[in-house]
Amino acid sequence: MKTLIYTILALLISASETISWDKTVHNFGDVSVSDGPLSCTFTLTNNGSEPISIFEVVSSCGCTDVKWTKGSIKPGETGTISATYKNEDGAMAFDKTLTAYISGVKKPVILRLRGVVHEKKKSLAQLYGAQKLGTFGMKTRTFLAGTLKQGLSTSETETVANLGTKPLKVTFADVSEGLSISVKPNPIPANSTATLAFTVTSAPDVYGKKIYRATPVLDGKKADAPLEITAWTQENFAGWSDKQRKDAALPYFDQSTFSIGSVKAGKVVEVTYTCTNRGKMPFHIFKADVEDPALQLKEMADVAPGKKGAIRFSLDTSKLPKGETVLMISLTTNSPLRPLINLFVAGIVE
């Protein structure tokens, strides 16, 4: 059933898009200062029934030069945006953005250029040996997919490596629903890098933080540990009318930080936040994500328009280290103005 839902969502998304991209993030991976300027190209396809044009592309800084297709792009045709990162700032990680303004597309499109510049070239083992599964090298086994809206997808790429002397075939098993993941080129040539690409598609019943998993299968042998990809799903208000937005729930909390003061280790503290809904629709919290399992949700209910409500947690200080503590609670809500609300618990455990 869930597979069918994902398929329907994908069809609806693709049908509603005026344009599609070959990618929206280009990761140069690990490079050196001596490599000089770094260039890449983003390709868009006009999926609509009318010609479109790229009006303007704005770089986030003067360190990136950009060119794009001039004139109209007819239905079914493609256009390009080419960018060159000057690579003049020395050894550093970079994440640059290009903001593209396109006719027929209501919101500007954000494209990203990422990479890490090193003073001198490093070996693959130095770069990708921190986390290894056999000869499959990575900097980390945990990745961030960012935030996505209900009914949509988000994609990211990371650079991985084959640290061995033979080509390495990489597939994946036990892949979480809503996650697609692949490696290219595949097999990965000996002593070479490859791009790990993953896409997370939202599920109708999933909100807030969710960890998606996939276990690498290396030359037919399943690894002992999975890769973990974290994504945050928020409500999608794109289809709401102006009236719905005007009448939407509007929560105001009496405090954003609950102070427990100084308490003896082992004490269970009741944590309560009071919320007033100043909107004309009920205020609903889809999910409350807590930073630490010592904090447990006890009560959470909708708040009617013009009314007050409470959200309650219990904090077991026996599960916390002694000393100063600050814990975060993230609420995913139905309020267009406050789709994500962060609350905090602070104090000292003696």
Protein backbone atom coordinates (compact mmCIF):
# COMPACT_ATOMS: atom_id res chain seq x y z
CA MET A 1 0.00 0.00 0.00
CA LYS A 2 2.80 2.42 0.94
CA THR A 3 4.61 1.63 -2.29
CA LEU A 4 1.47 2.60 -4.22
CA ILE A 5 1.24 5.86 -2.27
CA TYR A 6 4.85 6.74 -3.08
CA THR A 7 4.19 6.00 -6.76
CA ILE A 8 1.10 8.23 -6.83
CA LEU A 9 3.00 11.04 -5.08
CA ALA A 10 5.84 10.80 -7.58
CA LEU A 11 3.39 11.01 -10.50
CA LEU A 12 1.61 14.00 -9.02
CA ILE A 13 4.87 15.79 -8.35
CA SER A 14 6.28 15.18 -11.83
CA ALA A 15 3.00 16.19 -13.47
CA SER A 16 2.89 19.48 -11.61
CA GLU A 17 6.46 20.57 -12.39
CA THR A 18 7.01 23.09 -15.16
CA ILE A 19 10.72 22.31 -15.21
CA SER A 20 12.99 19.48 -14.10
CA TRP A 21 16.71 19.48 -13.36
CA ASP A 22 19.46 16.94 -13.87
CA LYS A 23 20.61 18.04 -10.39
CA THR A 24 20.27 20.98 -8.03
CA VAL A 25 23.47 20.32 -6.05
CA HIS A 26 26.95 19.84 -7.52
CA ASN A 27 29.51 18.47 -5.07
CA PHE A 28 33.09 18.92 -6.28
CA GLY A 29 34.25 16.72 -3.43
CA ASP A 30 37.82 17.11 -2.20
CA VAL A 31 40.04 19.34 -4.30
CA SER A 32 43.25 21.27 -3.77
CA VAL A 33 44.24 24.91 -4.12
CA SER A 34 46.40 23.97 -7.13
CA ASP A 35 43.36 22.66 -9.05
CA GLY A 36 42.41 26.23 -9.89
CA PRO A 37 38.87 27.27 -10.95
CA LEU A 38 36.16 24.59 -10.63
CA SER A 39 33.32 24.47 -13.17
CA CYS A 40 30.01 22.63 -13.43
CA THR A 41 26.77 22.81 -15.41
CA PHE A 42 23.13 22.44 -14.34
CA THR A 43 20.67 21.37 -17.04
CA LEU A 44 16.94 22.14 -16.91
CA THR A 45 14.17 20.71 -19.10
CA ASN A 46 10.97 22.57 -19.99
CA ASN A 47 8.17 20.10 -19.17
CA GLY A 48 5.39 22.65 -19.75
CA SER A 49 3.35 23.59 -22.78
CA GLU A 50 4.69 27.14 -23.11
CA PRO A 51 8.20 28.53 -23.72
CA ILE A 52 10.14 29.62 -20.65
CA SER A 53 13.15 31.87 -20.11
CA ILE A 54 15.89 32.16 -17.52
CA PHE A 55 15.59 35.80 -16.53
CA GLU A 56 18.48 36.07 -14.08
CA VAL A 57 20.87 33.94 -12.03
CA VAL A 58 22.35 35.55 -8.93
CA SER A 59 25.44 34.15 -7.21
CA SER A 60 25.76 34.33 -3.44
CA CYS A 61 29.21 35.89 -3.74
CA GLY A 62 31.71 37.32 -6.20
CA CYS A 63 33.78 34.14 -6.02
CA THR A 64 31.45 32.38 -8.48
CA ASP A 65 30.95 33.34 -12.12
CA VAL A 66 27.77 32.22 -13.86
CA LYS A 67 26.41 31.99 -17.42
CA TRP A 68 23.04 30.73 -18.63
CA THR A 69 20.97 30.03 -21.73
CA LYS A 70 19.65 33.26 -23.24
CA GLY A 71 16.32 33.50 -25.05
CA SER A 72 13.32 31.19 -24.79
CA ILE A 73 13.44 27.48 -24.06
CA LYS A 74 10.65 25.72 -25.95
CA PRO A 75 8.57 22.84 -24.50
CA GLY A 76 10.68 19.69 -24.43
CA GLU A 77 13.93 21.60 -24.88
CA THR A 78 16.73 22.10 -22.37
CA GLY A 79 18.69 25.04 -21.07
CA THR A 80 21.81 25.28 -18.96
CA ILE A 81 23.29 27.27 -16.12
CA SER A 82 27.08 27.05 -15.95
CA ALA A 83 29.03 28.14 -12.89
CA THR A 84 32.72 28.50 -12.11
CA TYR A 85 33.97 28.71 -8.53
CA LYS A 86 37.21 30.71 -8.68
CA ASN A 87 38.86 28.68 -5.88
CA GLU A 88 40.92 31.65 -4.70
CA ASP A 89 40.04 31.62 -0.99
CA GLY A 90 42.53 28.97 0.14
CA ALA A 91 41.93 25.78 2.06
CA MET A 92 38.34 25.71 3.26
CA ALA A 93 34.97 24.05 2.82
CA PHE A 94 32.59 25.97 0.58
CA ASP A 95 28.85 25.91 -0.08
CA LYS A 96 27.80 28.52 -2.63
CA THR A 97 24.31 29.18 -3.94
CA LEU A 98 22.91 30.29 -7.28
CA THR A 99 19.41 31.77 -7.27
CA ALA A 100 17.72 31.25 -10.65
CA TYR A 101 14.67 33.29 -11.69
CA ILE A 102 12.66 31.50 -14.39
CA SER A 103 9.45 32.51 -16.16
CA GLY A 104 6.47 30.33 -15.31
CA VAL A 105 8.02 29.27 -12.00
CA LYS A 106 6.58 31.10 -8.99
CA LYS A 107 9.57 30.73 -6.69
CA PRO A 108 13.26 31.15 -7.57
CA VAL A 109 15.23 27.92 -7.78
CA ILE A 110 18.25 27.48 -5.51
CA LEU A 111 21.24 25.64 -6.94
CA ARG A 112 24.27 24.77 -4.80
CA LEU A 113 28.00 24.28 -5.37
CA ARG A 114 29.84 22.43 -2.62
CA GLY A 115 33.27 21.09 -1.94
CA VAL A 116 36.30 21.04 0.34
CA VAL A 117 39.54 22.72 -0.73
CA HIS A 118 42.77 21.37 0.78
CA GLU A 119 46.16 23.08 0.79
CA LYS A 120 47.80 19.98 -0.68
CA LYS A 121 46.47 16.89 -2.38
CA LYS A 122 45.65 14.00 -0.04
CA SER A 123 45.42 10.30 -0.69
CA LEU A 124 42.04 8.58 -0.90
CA ALA A 125 42.86 6.73 2.32
CA GLN A 126 43.49 10.03 4.10
CA LEU A 127 40.27 11.54 2.76
CA TYR A 128 37.87 8.61 3.01
CA GLY A 129 39.47 6.22 5.47
CA ALA A 130 37.66 7.55 8.56
CA GLN A 131 34.75 5.17 7.94
CA LYS A 132 35.42 1.98 6.01
CA LEU A 133 33.36 -1.04 5.09
CA GLY A 134 35.98 -3.26 3.56
CA THR A 135 37.47 -1.19 0.74
CA PHE A 136 34.40 1.08 0.57
CA GLY A 137 35.60 4.35 2.07
CA MET A 138 33.53 7.22 3.46
CA LYS A 139 34.01 10.26 5.63
CA THR A 140 30.89 9.36 7.60
CA ARG A 141 28.09 6.80 7.67
CA THR A 142 25.47 9.35 8.70
CA PHE A 143 24.12 11.93 6.24
CA LEU A 144 21.67 14.83 6.28
CA ALA A 145 18.95 15.17 3.64
CA GLY A 146 17.66 18.46 5.04
CA THR A 147 14.03 19.57 5.18
CA LEU A 148 11.29 18.55 2.77
CA LYS A 149 7.61 19.36 2.40
CA GLN A 150 4.78 16.85 2.41
CA GLY A 151 4.31 15.37 -1.07
CA LEU A 152 7.79 16.40 -2.23
CA SER A 153 11.32 15.00 -2.32
CA THR A 154 14.79 16.17 -1.36
CA SER A 155 18.08 14.94 -2.78
CA GLU A 156 21.73 15.16 -1.80
CA THR A 157 25.05 13.74 -2.95
CA GLU A 158 28.25 12.75 -1.16
CA THR A 159 31.61 11.55 -2.40
CA VAL A 160 32.73 8.02 -1.50
CA ALA A 161 35.73 5.97 -2.59
CA ASN A 162 37.01 2.54 -3.53
CA LEU A 163 40.22 2.19 -1.54
CA GLY A 164 41.01 -1.20 -3.06
CA THR A 165 42.99 -2.40 -6.06
CA LYS A 166 40.00 -3.95 -7.87
CA PRO A 167 36.69 -2.49 -9.12
CA LEU A 168 34.01 -2.49 -6.40
CA LYS A 169 30.33 -3.19 -7.08
CA VAL A 170 28.04 -1.41 -4.61
CA THR A 171 24.33 -2.11 -4.18
CA PHE A 172 22.01 -1.64 -1.21
CA ALA A 173 19.73 -3.89 0.85
CA ASP A 174 17.12 -3.24 3.55
CA VAL A 175 16.40 0.22 2.08
CA SER A 176 13.81 2.20 4.04
CA GLU A 177 10.59 3.06 2.22
CA GLY A 178 10.75 6.56 0.82
CA LEU A 179 14.51 6.33 0.23
CA SER A 180 16.29 5.75 -3.06
CA ILE A 181 20.08 5.47 -3.03
CA SER A 182 22.74 4.64 -5.60
CA VAL A 183 26.42 4.97 -6.45
CA LYS A 184 27.83 6.20 -9.76
CA PRO A 185 29.98 5.00 -11.47
CA ASN A 186 29.22 1.48 -10.42
CA PRO A 187 31.37 -0.58 -10.16
CA ILE A 188 33.68 2.03 -8.67
CA PRO A 189 37.07 1.77 -10.42
CA ALA A 190 40.04 0.79 -8.27
CA ASN A 191 41.53 3.58 -6.18
CA SER A 192 38.87 6.05 -7.35
CA THR A 193 35.99 8.14 -6.07
CA ALA A 194 32.29 7.92 -6.89
CA THR A 195 29.12 9.87 -6.14
CA LEU A 196 26.69 8.52 -3.57
CA ALA A 197 23.27 9.99 -4.43
CA PHE A 198 20.15 9.67 -2.30
CA THR A 199 16.60 10.98 -2.50
CA VAL A 200 14.03 11.02 0.29
CA THR A 201 10.34 11.21 -0.67
CA SER A 202 7.84 12.18 2.02
CA ALA A 203 5.16 9.78 3.19
CA PRO A 204 1.64 11.04 4.05
CA ASP A 205 1.88 9.83 7.65
CA VAL A 206 5.45 10.95 8.41
CA TYR A 207 6.30 14.31 10.00
CA GLY A 208 9.29 15.70 11.80
CA LYS A 209 12.61 13.90 12.11
CA LYS A 210 13.01 10.48 10.53
CA ILE A 211 16.09 8.34 9.97
CA TYR A 212 16.18 6.36 6.72
CA ARG A 213 18.57 3.41 6.42
CA ALA A 214 20.24 1.40 3.68
CA THR A 215 22.81 -1.38 4.10
CA PRO A 216 25.63 -1.48 1.51
CA VAL A 217 26.21 -4.74 -0.35
CA LEU A 218 29.82 -4.82 -1.51
CA ASP A 219 30.65 -7.25 -4.31
CA GLY A 220 27.67 -9.32 -3.19
CA LYS A 221 28.56 -9.28 0.52
CA LYS A 222 26.20 -7.45 2.86
CA ALA A 223 27.88 -5.02 5.26
CA ASP A 224 27.36 -5.31 9.01
CA ALA A 225 26.11 -1.76 9.48
CA PRO A 226 23.71 0.46 7.51
CA LEU A 227 24.13 4.01 6.33
CA GLU A 228 21.76 6.46 8.04
CA ILE A 229 20.14 9.47 6.37
CA THR A 230 18.19 11.99 8.44
CA ALA A 231 15.41 14.13 6.96
CA TRP A 232 12.83 16.50 8.45
CA THR A 233 9.34 16.60 6.96
CA GLN A 234 7.09 19.65 7.35
CA GLU A 235 3.55 20.37 6.23
CA ASN A 236 3.20 21.63 2.66
CA PHE A 237 1.16 24.85 2.54
CA ALA A 238 1.74 25.53 -1.18
CA GLY A 239 -1.88 24.74 -2.10
CA TRP A 240 -3.46 26.88 0.60
CA SER A 241 -5.60 29.86 -0.40
CA ASP A 242 -5.02 33.36 0.94
CA LYS A 243 -8.04 32.92 3.22
CA GLN A 244 -6.72 29.66 4.63
CA ARG A 245 -3.40 31.30 5.38
CA LYS A 246 -5.13 34.28 6.99
CA ASP A 247 -7.32 32.05 9.16
CA ALA A 248 -4.59 29.50 9.97
CA ALA A 249 -3.59 28.49 13.47
CA LEU A 250 -1.26 30.99 15.11
CA PRO A 251 0.44 29.62 18.26
CA TYR A 252 2.07 31.73 20.95
CA PHE A 253 3.92 29.94 23.76
CA ASP A 254 4.24 31.44 27.23
CA GLN A 255 7.96 30.61 27.18
CA SER A 256 10.45 29.09 24.79
CA THR A 257 12.78 27.86 27.53
CA PHE A 258 11.60 25.90 30.58
CA SER A 259 14.04 26.23 33.49
CA ILE A 260 14.34 23.26 35.84
CA GLY A 261 16.72 25.22 38.08
CA SER A 262 19.17 23.10 40.07
CA VAL A 263 17.91 19.58 40.77
CA LYS A 264 19.37 16.45 42.33
CA ALA A 265 20.30 13.69 39.90
CA GLY A 266 17.56 11.09 39.73
CA LYS A 267 14.64 13.45 40.18
CA VAL A 268 11.86 13.36 37.59
CA VAL A 269 10.83 16.89 36.60
CA GLU A 270 7.50 17.77 35.00
CA VAL A 271 7.98 20.15 32.07
CA THR A 272 4.97 22.16 30.84
CA TYR A 273 4.59 24.74 28.08
CA THR A 274 1.36 26.72 27.65
CA CYS A 275 0.23 27.74 24.19
CA THR A 276 -2.39 30.29 23.10
CA ASN A 277 -3.90 29.87 19.63
CA ARG A 278 -4.61 33.32 18.17
CA GLY A 279 -5.69 31.94 14.79
CA LYS A 280 -9.10 30.88 13.51
CA MET A 281 -8.24 27.20 12.97
CA PRO A 282 -7.31 24.57 15.59
CA PHE A 283 -3.59 24.40 16.32
CA HIS A 284 -2.23 20.91 15.74
CA ILE A 285 1.22 19.47 16.47
CA PHE A 286 2.03 16.65 14.07
CA LYS A 287 5.07 15.50 16.02
CA ALA A 288 7.29 16.47 18.94
CA ASP A 289 10.92 15.42 18.46
CA VAL A 290 13.08 15.40 21.59
CA GLU A 291 16.85 15.70 21.62
CA ASP A 292 17.41 13.21 24.43
CA PRO A 293 15.43 10.12 25.52
CA ALA A 294 15.58 11.43 29.09
CA LEU A 295 12.78 13.75 27.96
CA GLN A 296 9.48 11.98 27.26
CA LEU A 297 6.22 13.37 25.88
CA LYS A 298 3.29 12.96 28.28
CA GLU A 299 0.45 15.06 26.87
CA MET A 300 -0.22 16.90 23.62
CA ALA A 301 -3.60 17.96 22.27
CA ASP A 302 -5.04 20.33 19.68
CA VAL A 303 -5.70 23.89 20.80
CA ALA A 304 -8.99 25.45 19.67
CA PRO A 305 -9.09 28.99 18.20
CA GLY A 306 -8.80 31.62 20.92
CA LYS A 307 -8.06 29.00 23.58
CA LYS A 308 -5.08 27.88 25.62
CA GLY A 309 -3.58 24.42 25.75
CA ALA A 310 -0.57 22.68 27.24
CA ILE A 311 2.11 20.30 26.05
CA ARG A 312 3.75 18.30 28.83
CA PHE A 313 6.93 16.28 29.14
CA SER A 314 8.68 14.41 31.93
CA LEU A 315 12.44 14.73 32.37
CA ASP A 316 14.27 11.85 34.09
CA THR A 317 17.47 13.48 35.32
CA SER A 318 18.97 10.08 36.22
CA LYS A 319 19.60 9.66 32.48
CA LEU A 320 21.54 12.93 32.20
CA PRO A 321 25.17 13.70 33.05
CA LYS A 322 25.74 16.00 36.00
CA GLY A 323 26.28 19.65 35.27
CA GLU A 324 24.60 22.20 33.05
CA THR A 325 22.14 20.82 30.53
CA VAL A 326 20.20 22.30 27.60
CA LEU A 327 17.81 20.06 25.65
CA MET A 328 15.82 20.97 22.55
CA ILE A 329 12.27 19.99 21.57
CA SER A 330 11.20 20.45 17.94
CA LEU A 331 7.49 20.72 17.17
CA THR A 332 6.25 20.16 13.61
CA THR A 333 2.94 22.02 13.30
CA ASN A 334 0.04 23.00 11.03
CA SER A 335 0.81 26.72 11.30
CA PRO A 336 2.11 28.26 8.02
CA LEU A 337 3.85 31.02 9.97
CA ARG A 338 5.37 28.61 12.49
CA PRO A 339 5.71 25.20 10.81
CA LEU A 340 8.65 24.33 13.09
CA ILE A 341 8.86 25.52 16.69
CA ASN A 342 11.90 24.90 18.88
CA LEU A 343 11.49 24.80 22.65
CA PHE A 344 14.23 24.29 25.22
CA VAL A 345 14.71 22.77 28.68
CA ALA A 346 17.62 24.17 30.67
CA GLY A 347 19.05 23.75 34.12
CA ILE A 348 21.71 22.11 36.30
CA VAL A 349 21.78 18.47 37.40
CA GLU A 350 23.62 18.15 40.74
